[in-house]
Amino acid sequence: MLDLACGHALVAQLMLLLDDSSQEALAVDVKLPPSASRVAAGLSLAWPRLAGRVALCEARLDSVATSRSDVVVSCHACGSLTDDVLDRAIQARARVAVLPCCQSAGSCDAGALEGWLDPALAVDVTRVAKLRAAGYRVHTQTIPASITSKNRLLLAEPC
């Protein structure tokens, strides 16, 4: 499992807690928060089965090897960073789950739909079309807006 643009790597930790079928997770960000390792250590104390299963890595996304067997996840990868995550998954034909944010028609592809749709929605609709064109089965959902106003969840797997 790959948590890209991971921040504190909370998604990686939660994924391993919720689905124990993954042996390990690699959590990657260009700049990890200084407290990321302390958060991981605290979570491992509370849930010992997490100990040693999440590797934190400071690196550019394009330097991380992605394989077909990976599950690629990203939560609130700002702007076009979500597109970079999707591109990594598509390139490897890996399953992917993203919770996009900061969709800007200026930095993201809105598919010329911003005349009909809210620009942020146009960006995410274009992402769905891109995944479908790449041979992915796509599932869209929302999570409660009380959790986050950037609440569109995009799940996809190769057909």
Protein backbone atom coordinates (compact mmCIF):
# COMPACT_ATOMS: atom_id res chain seq x y z
CA MET A 1 0.00 0.00 0.00
CA LEU A 2 1.28 3.43 -0.94
CA ASP A 3 0.12 6.59 0.82
CA LEU A 4 1.30 9.37 -1.50
CA ALA A 5 1.46 13.02 -0.42
CA CYS A 6 0.93 11.44 2.99
CA GLY A 7 1.49 14.26 5.46
CA HIS A 8 1.52 12.45 8.82
CA ALA A 9 0.76 9.09 7.13
CA LEU A 10 -2.54 8.75 8.97
CA VAL A 11 -4.26 7.19 5.95
CA ALA A 12 -1.58 4.50 5.74
CA GLN A 13 -1.97 3.74 9.44
CA LEU A 14 -5.77 3.62 9.20
CA MET A 15 -5.72 1.43 6.09
CA LEU A 16 -3.56 -1.14 7.89
CA LEU A 17 -5.86 -1.07 10.91
CA LEU A 18 -9.02 -1.48 8.81
CA ASP A 19 -7.68 -4.06 6.37
CA ASP A 20 -5.00 -6.33 7.71
CA SER A 21 -4.47 -7.99 4.31
CA SER A 22 -1.68 -5.53 3.46
CA GLN A 23 1.58 -6.45 5.15
CA GLU A 24 3.09 -2.98 5.01
CA ALA A 25 2.64 0.55 3.79
CA LEU A 26 5.01 3.09 2.32
CA ALA A 27 4.05 6.66 3.20
CA VAL A 28 5.71 9.23 0.96
CA ASP A 29 5.77 13.00 0.98
CA VAL A 30 8.22 15.51 -0.43
CA LYS A 31 8.49 16.96 3.11
CA LEU A 32 7.23 14.99 6.09
CA PRO A 33 5.97 17.00 9.06
CA PRO A 34 8.48 16.94 11.93
CA SER A 35 5.92 15.14 14.11
CA ALA A 36 5.18 12.33 11.62
CA SER A 37 7.47 9.81 13.30
CA ARG A 38 6.10 10.70 16.76
CA VAL A 39 2.54 10.21 15.49
CA ALA A 40 3.52 6.82 14.04
CA ALA A 41 5.19 5.80 17.29
CA GLY A 42 2.11 6.84 19.30
CA LEU A 43 -0.21 4.90 17.02
CA SER A 44 2.04 1.83 17.31
CA LEU A 45 1.81 2.06 21.10
CA ALA A 46 -1.98 2.14 20.92
CA TRP A 47 -2.15 -0.55 18.19
CA PRO A 48 0.96 -2.77 18.49
CA ARG A 49 0.14 -4.58 15.23
CA LEU A 50 1.13 -1.36 13.39
CA ALA A 51 4.69 -1.49 14.74
CA GLY A 52 7.22 -1.59 11.92
CA ARG A 53 4.60 -1.83 9.18
CA VAL A 54 4.58 1.80 7.95
CA ALA A 55 7.74 3.20 6.41
CA LEU A 56 7.92 7.00 6.25
CA CYS A 57 9.85 8.34 3.28
CA GLU A 58 10.73 11.87 2.19
CA ALA A 59 10.85 11.72 -1.60
CA ARG A 60 9.29 13.04 -4.77
CA LEU A 61 6.32 10.98 -5.94
CA ASP A 62 7.94 10.29 -9.29
CA SER A 63 10.85 8.56 -7.54
CA VAL A 64 8.61 5.94 -5.91
CA ALA A 65 8.18 2.60 -7.66
CA THR A 66 4.53 1.68 -8.07
CA SER A 67 3.36 -1.82 -8.98
CA ARG A 68 0.11 -3.40 -10.11
CA SER A 69 -0.32 -5.08 -6.72
CA ASP A 70 -0.23 -1.76 -4.84
CA VAL A 71 -3.19 0.10 -3.47
CA VAL A 72 -2.39 3.78 -3.99
CA VAL A 73 -4.12 6.21 -1.64
CA SER A 74 -4.00 9.94 -1.05
CA CYS A 75 -6.06 12.23 1.11
CA HIS A 76 -6.14 15.95 0.38
CA ALA A 77 -3.34 15.96 -2.18
CA CYS A 78 -3.72 19.61 -3.14
CA GLY A 79 -4.48 20.69 -6.68
CA SER A 80 -2.65 18.87 -9.43
CA LEU A 81 -0.90 16.65 -6.87
CA THR A 82 -4.02 14.45 -6.97
CA ASP A 83 -3.48 14.13 -10.74
CA ASP A 84 0.11 13.05 -10.11
CA VAL A 85 -1.14 10.35 -7.72
CA LEU A 86 -3.69 9.15 -10.29
CA ASP A 87 -1.00 9.12 -13.00
CA ARG A 88 1.25 6.92 -10.80
CA ALA A 89 -1.61 4.48 -10.25
CA ILE A 90 -2.60 4.42 -13.94
CA GLN A 91 1.00 3.87 -15.02
CA ALA A 92 1.24 0.79 -12.78
CA ARG A 93 -2.38 -0.34 -13.32
CA ALA A 94 -2.80 -0.23 -9.54
CA ARG A 95 -5.96 0.27 -7.53
CA VAL A 96 -6.38 3.83 -6.29
CA ALA A 97 -8.41 5.83 -3.78
CA VAL A 98 -8.16 9.62 -3.51
CA LEU A 99 -9.95 12.36 -1.63
CA PRO A 100 -9.05 15.36 -3.83
CA CYS A 101 -8.87 18.94 -2.64
CA CYS A 102 -8.00 22.41 -3.91
CA GLN A 103 -9.18 21.64 -7.45
CA SER A 104 -8.18 24.73 -9.36
CA ALA A 105 -9.24 25.14 -12.97
CA GLY A 106 -6.01 27.09 -13.39
CA SER A 107 -3.71 24.21 -12.37
CA CYS A 108 -5.95 21.19 -13.04
CA ASP A 109 -7.71 19.91 -16.15
CA ALA A 110 -11.40 20.82 -15.95
CA GLY A 111 -12.13 19.15 -19.29
CA ALA A 112 -13.74 22.34 -20.65
CA LEU A 113 -16.70 21.61 -18.34
CA GLU A 114 -16.45 24.70 -16.13
CA GLY A 115 -19.13 26.40 -18.23
CA TRP A 116 -21.64 23.81 -17.03
CA LEU A 117 -20.21 22.64 -13.72
CA ASP A 118 -18.63 24.18 -10.68
CA PRO A 119 -14.89 24.28 -11.55
CA ALA A 120 -13.88 21.92 -8.70
CA LEU A 121 -16.53 19.41 -9.74
CA ALA A 122 -15.48 19.76 -13.40
CA VAL A 123 -11.91 18.82 -12.41
CA ASP A 124 -13.07 15.71 -10.57
CA VAL A 125 -15.45 14.69 -13.37
CA THR A 126 -12.51 14.98 -15.79
CA ARG A 127 -10.45 12.76 -13.47
CA VAL A 128 -13.18 10.12 -13.57
CA ALA A 129 -13.25 10.31 -17.39
CA LYS A 130 -9.45 9.93 -17.51
CA LEU A 131 -9.56 6.84 -15.31
CA ARG A 132 -12.38 5.30 -17.35
CA ALA A 133 -10.48 6.00 -20.59
CA ALA A 134 -7.47 4.23 -19.05
CA GLY A 135 -9.57 1.11 -18.50
CA TYR A 136 -10.56 1.61 -14.87
CA ARG A 137 -13.83 0.79 -13.16
CA VAL A 138 -14.62 3.91 -11.11
CA HIS A 139 -16.72 4.35 -7.99
CA THR A 140 -17.58 7.80 -6.67
CA GLN A 141 -18.86 8.58 -3.20
CA THR A 142 -18.99 11.44 -0.78
CA ILE A 143 -18.12 11.45 2.87
CA PRO A 144 -20.04 13.68 5.29
CA ALA A 145 -19.34 17.38 4.77
CA SER A 146 -19.10 17.67 8.56
CA ILE A 147 -15.79 15.75 8.29
CA THR A 148 -14.44 17.85 5.41
CA SER A 149 -15.93 20.14 2.82
CA LYS A 150 -13.57 18.54 0.26
CA ASN A 151 -15.57 15.35 0.50
CA ARG A 152 -15.57 13.65 -2.92
CA LEU A 153 -14.07 10.19 -2.70
CA LEU A 154 -12.80 8.63 -5.93
CA LEU A 155 -12.10 4.88 -5.99
CA ALA A 156 -10.87 3.03 -9.05
CA GLU A 157 -9.54 -0.35 -10.08
CA PRO A 158 -8.35 -1.65 -13.43
CA CYS A 159 -10.95 -3.67 -15.35
